[in-house]
Amino acid sequence: QVQLVESGGGLVQPGGSLILSCVASESTSSFNFMGWLRQGSGNERELIAGITQAGATNYENSVKGRFTCSRDDVRNLAYLQMNSLLPEDTAVYYCAAGLNFHNIIEFHAPDYWGQGTQVTVSS
């Protein structure tokens, strides 16, 4: 069972930026999907970003153009660069991994996810 550990969350002002990091307990090169989920208060968990081994990406519409997902399969890391943050981006953010990229994007159901890191956007 792979372990995913997120870091980098915190409090940021609207319009600010934050970078989330995720380290995996085993090689990420075996996962076609690496990405991120989030869950805001009172909301369902939603898949917001994903990246394949080849570097193709997919983003949920509300973060498209503001968030960038990347991965480093040599160091077993994944990142989420978040720019132009809005109060509605406030949520717990979860790193996720899985084998079938398209199924995960369609059904929002990764094989593995971490414990999450809190991001709060507020002035």
C-alpha atoms as a PDB file:
ATOM      1  CA  GLN A   1       0.000   0.000   0.000  1.00  0.00           C
ATOM      2  CA  VAL A   2       1.611   3.246  -1.143  1.00  0.00           C
ATOM      3  CA  GLN A   3       1.715   6.108   1.335  1.00  0.00           C
ATOM      4  CA  LEU A   4       1.266   9.686   0.081  1.00  0.00           C
ATOM      5  CA  VAL A   5       2.228  12.583   2.355  1.00  0.00           C
ATOM      6  CA  GLU A   6       1.300  16.160   1.503  1.00  0.00           C
ATOM      7  CA  SER A   7       2.950  19.337   2.731  1.00  0.00           C
ATOM      8  CA  GLY A   8       2.900  23.051   1.999  1.00  0.00           C
ATOM      9  CA  GLY A   9      -0.587  24.016   3.080  1.00  0.00           C
ATOM     10  CA  GLY A  10      -1.317  27.099   5.140  1.00  0.00           C
ATOM     11  CA  LEU A  11      -2.970  30.490   5.239  1.00  0.00           C
ATOM     12  CA  VAL A  12      -2.637  32.765   2.222  1.00  0.00           C
ATOM     13  CA  GLN A  13      -4.299  35.995   1.200  1.00  0.00           C
ATOM     14  CA  PRO A  14      -6.616  36.179  -1.823  1.00  0.00           C
ATOM     15  CA  GLY A  15      -4.566  36.600  -4.964  1.00  0.00           C
ATOM     16  CA  GLY A  16      -1.593  34.865  -3.407  1.00  0.00           C
ATOM     17  CA  SER A  17       0.256  31.700  -4.345  1.00  0.00           C
ATOM     18  CA  LEU A  18       1.102  28.427  -2.652  1.00  0.00           C
ATOM     19  CA  ILE A  19       2.941  25.263  -3.674  1.00  0.00           C
ATOM     20  CA  LEU A  20       1.818  21.897  -2.332  1.00  0.00           C
ATOM     21  CA  SER A  21       4.190  18.946  -2.365  1.00  0.00           C
ATOM     22  CA  CYS A  22       3.539  15.235  -2.110  1.00  0.00           C
ATOM     23  CA  VAL A  23       6.069  12.492  -1.425  1.00  0.00           C
ATOM     24  CA  ALA A  24       5.261   8.851  -2.144  1.00  0.00           C
ATOM     25  CA  SER A  25       6.570   5.841  -0.219  1.00  0.00           C
ATOM     26  CA  GLU A  26       7.312   3.982  -3.431  1.00  0.00           C
ATOM     27  CA  SER A  27       8.169   4.739  -7.024  1.00  0.00           C
ATOM     28  CA  THR A  28       5.625   7.048  -8.641  1.00  0.00           C
ATOM     29  CA  SER A  29       6.726   5.881 -12.078  1.00  0.00           C
ATOM     30  CA  SER A  30       4.348   2.937 -11.710  1.00  0.00           C
ATOM     31  CA  PHE A  31       1.334   5.270 -11.510  1.00  0.00           C
ATOM     32  CA  ASN A  32      -0.014   6.657 -14.735  1.00  0.00           C
ATOM     33  CA  PHE A  33      -2.060   9.125 -12.681  1.00  0.00           C
ATOM     34  CA  MET A  34      -0.669  11.526 -10.100  1.00  0.00           C
ATOM     35  CA  GLY A  35      -2.849  14.389  -9.020  1.00  0.00           C
ATOM     36  CA  TRP A  36      -4.838  16.271  -6.462  1.00  0.00           C
ATOM     37  CA  LEU A  37      -8.276  16.220  -4.868  1.00  0.00           C
ATOM     38  CA  ARG A  38      -9.779  18.799  -2.564  1.00  0.00           C
ATOM     39  CA  GLN A  39     -12.686  18.978  -0.149  1.00  0.00           C
ATOM     40  CA  GLY A  40     -14.078  22.251   1.130  1.00  0.00           C
ATOM     41  CA  SER A  41     -16.326  22.564   4.150  1.00  0.00           C
ATOM     42  CA  GLY A  42     -19.747  21.136   3.340  1.00  0.00           C
ATOM     43  CA  ASN A  43     -18.641  20.002  -0.106  1.00  0.00           C
ATOM     44  CA  GLU A  44     -17.899  16.650  -1.653  1.00  0.00           C
ATOM     45  CA  ARG A  45     -14.313  15.692  -2.436  1.00  0.00           C
ATOM     46  CA  GLU A  46     -13.518  16.705  -6.014  1.00  0.00           C
ATOM     47  CA  LEU A  47     -10.698  15.849  -8.363  1.00  0.00           C
ATOM     48  CA  ILE A  48      -9.057  19.079  -9.513  1.00  0.00           C
ATOM     49  CA  ALA A  49      -5.835  18.132 -11.276  1.00  0.00           C
ATOM     50  CA  GLY A  50      -4.040  15.149 -12.736  1.00  0.00           C
ATOM     51  CA  ILE A  51      -0.909  14.406 -14.735  1.00  0.00           C
ATOM     52  CA  THR A  52       0.177  11.316 -16.656  1.00  0.00           C
ATOM     53  CA  GLN A  53       3.635   9.770 -16.769  1.00  0.00           C
ATOM     54  CA  ALA A  54       4.098  11.470 -20.141  1.00  0.00           C
ATOM     55  CA  GLY A  55       3.167  14.875 -18.733  1.00  0.00           C
ATOM     56  CA  ALA A  56      -0.343  15.277 -20.118  1.00  0.00           C
ATOM     57  CA  THR A  57      -2.548  17.166 -17.683  1.00  0.00           C
ATOM     58  CA  ASN A  58      -6.216  17.549 -16.866  1.00  0.00           C
ATOM     59  CA  TYR A  59      -7.759  20.268 -14.710  1.00  0.00           C
ATOM     60  CA  GLU A  60     -11.165  20.969 -13.265  1.00  0.00           C
ATOM     61  CA  ASN A  61     -12.631  24.123 -14.795  1.00  0.00           C
ATOM     62  CA  SER A  62     -12.528  26.215 -11.622  1.00  0.00           C
ATOM     63  CA  VAL A  63      -8.732  25.884 -11.330  1.00  0.00           C
ATOM     64  CA  LYS A  64      -7.784  25.812 -15.001  1.00  0.00           C
ATOM     65  CA  GLY A  65      -5.255  28.548 -15.780  1.00  0.00           C
ATOM     66  CA  ARG A  66      -4.474  29.121 -12.099  1.00  0.00           C
ATOM     67  CA  PHE A  67      -3.194  25.752 -10.870  1.00  0.00           C
ATOM     68  CA  THR A  68      -0.360  23.664 -12.352  1.00  0.00           C
ATOM     69  CA  CYS A  69       0.218  20.011 -11.534  1.00  0.00           C
ATOM     70  CA  SER A  70       3.647  18.437 -11.993  1.00  0.00           C
ATOM     71  CA  ARG A  71       5.522  15.314 -11.000  1.00  0.00           C
ATOM     72  CA  ASP A  72       9.105  14.100 -10.478  1.00  0.00           C
ATOM     73  CA  ASP A  73       9.261  10.334 -10.864  1.00  0.00           C
ATOM     74  CA  VAL A  74      12.976  10.248 -10.008  1.00  0.00           C
ATOM     75  CA  ARG A  75      12.351  11.624  -6.517  1.00  0.00           C
ATOM     76  CA  ASN A  76       8.793  10.217  -6.180  1.00  0.00           C
ATOM     77  CA  LEU A  77       7.259  13.651  -5.804  1.00  0.00           C
ATOM     78  CA  ALA A  78       4.195  15.494  -7.071  1.00  0.00           C
ATOM     79  CA  TYR A  79       3.442  19.195  -6.873  1.00  0.00           C
ATOM     80  CA  LEU A  80       0.514  21.558  -7.170  1.00  0.00           C
ATOM     81  CA  GLN A  81       1.401  25.167  -7.928  1.00  0.00           C
ATOM     82  CA  MET A  82      -1.568  27.356  -7.004  1.00  0.00           C
ATOM     83  CA  ASN A  83      -1.721  30.967  -8.194  1.00  0.00           C
ATOM     84  CA  SER A  84      -4.356  33.690  -7.989  1.00  0.00           C
ATOM     85  CA  LEU A  85      -5.953  31.942  -5.037  1.00  0.00           C
ATOM     86  CA  LEU A  86      -9.569  32.697  -4.172  1.00  0.00           C
ATOM     87  CA  PRO A  87     -11.461  32.285  -0.888  1.00  0.00           C
ATOM     88  CA  GLU A  88     -13.433  29.476  -2.527  1.00  0.00           C
ATOM     89  CA  ASP A  89     -10.184  27.540  -2.955  1.00  0.00           C
ATOM     90  CA  THR A  90     -10.177  27.027   0.810  1.00  0.00           C
ATOM     91  CA  ALA A  91     -10.199  23.263   1.353  1.00  0.00           C
ATOM     92  CA  VAL A  92      -8.244  20.249   2.462  1.00  0.00           C
ATOM     93  CA  TYR A  93      -6.056  19.191  -0.463  1.00  0.00           C
ATOM     94  CA  TYR A  94      -5.191  15.534  -1.018  1.00  0.00           C
ATOM     95  CA  CYS A  95      -2.456  14.052  -3.151  1.00  0.00           C
ATOM     96  CA  ALA A  96      -3.680  11.097  -5.210  1.00  0.00           C
ATOM     97  CA  ALA A  97      -2.243   8.306  -7.351  1.00  0.00           C
ATOM     98  CA  GLY A  98      -3.526   5.513  -9.515  1.00  0.00           C
ATOM     99  CA  LEU A  99      -3.091   3.300 -12.523  1.00  0.00           C
ATOM    100  CA  ASN A 100      -5.833   4.234 -14.977  1.00  0.00           C
ATOM    101  CA  PHE A 101      -5.675   7.951 -15.740  1.00  0.00           C
ATOM    102  CA  HIS A 102      -8.860   8.217 -17.779  1.00  0.00           C
ATOM    103  CA  ASN A 103     -10.990   6.205 -15.348  1.00  0.00           C
ATOM    104  CA  ILE A 104      -9.736   8.296 -12.440  1.00  0.00           C
ATOM    105  CA  ILE A 105     -10.537  11.534 -14.286  1.00  0.00           C
ATOM    106  CA  GLU A 106     -13.994  10.286 -15.275  1.00  0.00           C
ATOM    107  CA  PHE A 107     -15.036   8.763 -11.959  1.00  0.00           C
ATOM    108  CA  HIS A 108     -12.995  10.914  -9.541  1.00  0.00           C
ATOM    109  CA  ALA A 109     -11.782   7.710  -7.892  1.00  0.00           C
ATOM    110  CA  PRO A 110      -8.011   7.414  -7.498  1.00  0.00           C
ATOM    111  CA  ASP A 111      -6.515   4.219  -6.129  1.00  0.00           C
ATOM    112  CA  TYR A 112      -4.582   5.966  -3.359  1.00  0.00           C
ATOM    113  CA  TRP A 113      -4.703   9.316  -1.563  1.00  0.00           C
ATOM    114  CA  GLY A 114      -2.984  10.955   1.372  1.00  0.00           C
ATOM    115  CA  GLN A 115      -4.186  12.441   4.648  1.00  0.00           C
ATOM    116  CA  GLY A 116      -4.494  15.934   3.240  1.00  0.00           C
ATOM    117  CA  THR A 117      -3.165  19.409   3.970  1.00  0.00           C
ATOM    118  CA  GLN A 118      -5.311  22.436   4.807  1.00  0.00           C
ATOM    119  CA  VAL A 119      -5.254  25.470   2.531  1.00  0.00           C
ATOM    120  CA  THR A 120      -7.052  28.565   3.768  1.00  0.00           C
ATOM    121  CA  VAL A 121      -7.454  31.624   1.551  1.00  0.00           C
ATOM    122  CA  SER A 122      -8.487  34.606   3.612  1.00  0.00           C
ATOM    123  CA  SER A 123      -7.559  38.213   4.270  1.00  0.00           C
END
